[in-house]
């Protein structure tokens, strides 16, 4: 699209000479498997989060569940859209010249790759900030972090990711077909122009910044919770915080492991320009690592639940012995029991029943 280049031929130059080859049958098989597993996992996680949102309507947890639902829904659509396009490309024998004359499919693919890559990272950092405010500033959180405000935050995050994804199109820069001929992204080969470098550095810097914010906020939240736990033995008001911080730590670890190779690779290409030594195989491996993030994210909410943690505790207690593990050290998601205890202790009916029991026994 740069003046002399027509839109229909954008990105096709790389198809003439490529050293990155993938087996068609194996690639199609794994693409279908990953897409299916991702859709099923995210659908199950959405059902679990929606059920939890209906059961627990405390303000301190409702905002977290809304953000978590937004993250899982984004992962679901990422698998559905990107996976469907990838399977179509593989099934068409990667013949882009035949089905992509106007470069529309490549542009859509590139926009989706950028949007569904950045949006989960942004949402993970917003969730970490929300939990940090909820633990360190509970009064401010209870008044400002309402469901309406959280939905506005979700909308703003998605709009920001959309703007970043559409930026090359608005600047009349076409997304490029990559050397493996299986996906579209920013220009990663023979990068000379400053604008091509800018897009790569912008994508990688925003992703790394989101990971850094998540790490910092989770560290502050964890330290604050440990201080409260050490000063007071009352766990009724903090147990759900521990459950959510464990889920956030799991999300952060998954995101760092899966996304760091791809973000660092894009940053190195943007810095080194045409002198970058990143091969097609390296980029493709980093991309596949990043796609695992959308598969592993929902399993954080599927596995780190009260019922699963309770069963794991029982199994661990049976294997290690009763005296080795203290029951009070594993009260991570006892919010329901905490609410029951608080309700019984504050209920006037319960106190009357306790006072009437001795009288009835003496009367008998």
Foldseek 3Di string as FASTA:
>chain_A
DPVVDAQLCFQVVLVVDFDAEDDLVVQLVVLVVLLVLLLVLLVVLLVLLVVVCVVDVDLLVNLLSVLLNLLSVLLNVLSVVLSVLLNVCSVVVLPCNVVRRNVPSQLVQALSVQLSLLLNLQSLLVSLVLLLCCLPPVVCSNVQVGPVNSVVVSVVSSVVSNCLSCVCVVVVHHWHQDSHSRHTYQDQAQFDDLVSLVSLLVSLVSSVVSLVSLVVSLVSSVVSVVVVVVVDVDCLVPLQSLLSSVLSVVLSVLQCQQQVQLSVLSNQSSVCRNNDPQGPVSNVVSVVSNSVSSSCSSVSSVQSDDVNLVVVVVVVCVVPDVVPDDPSVSSRPCNVVSVVVVCLVPDPVNVVVVVVVVVVVVVD
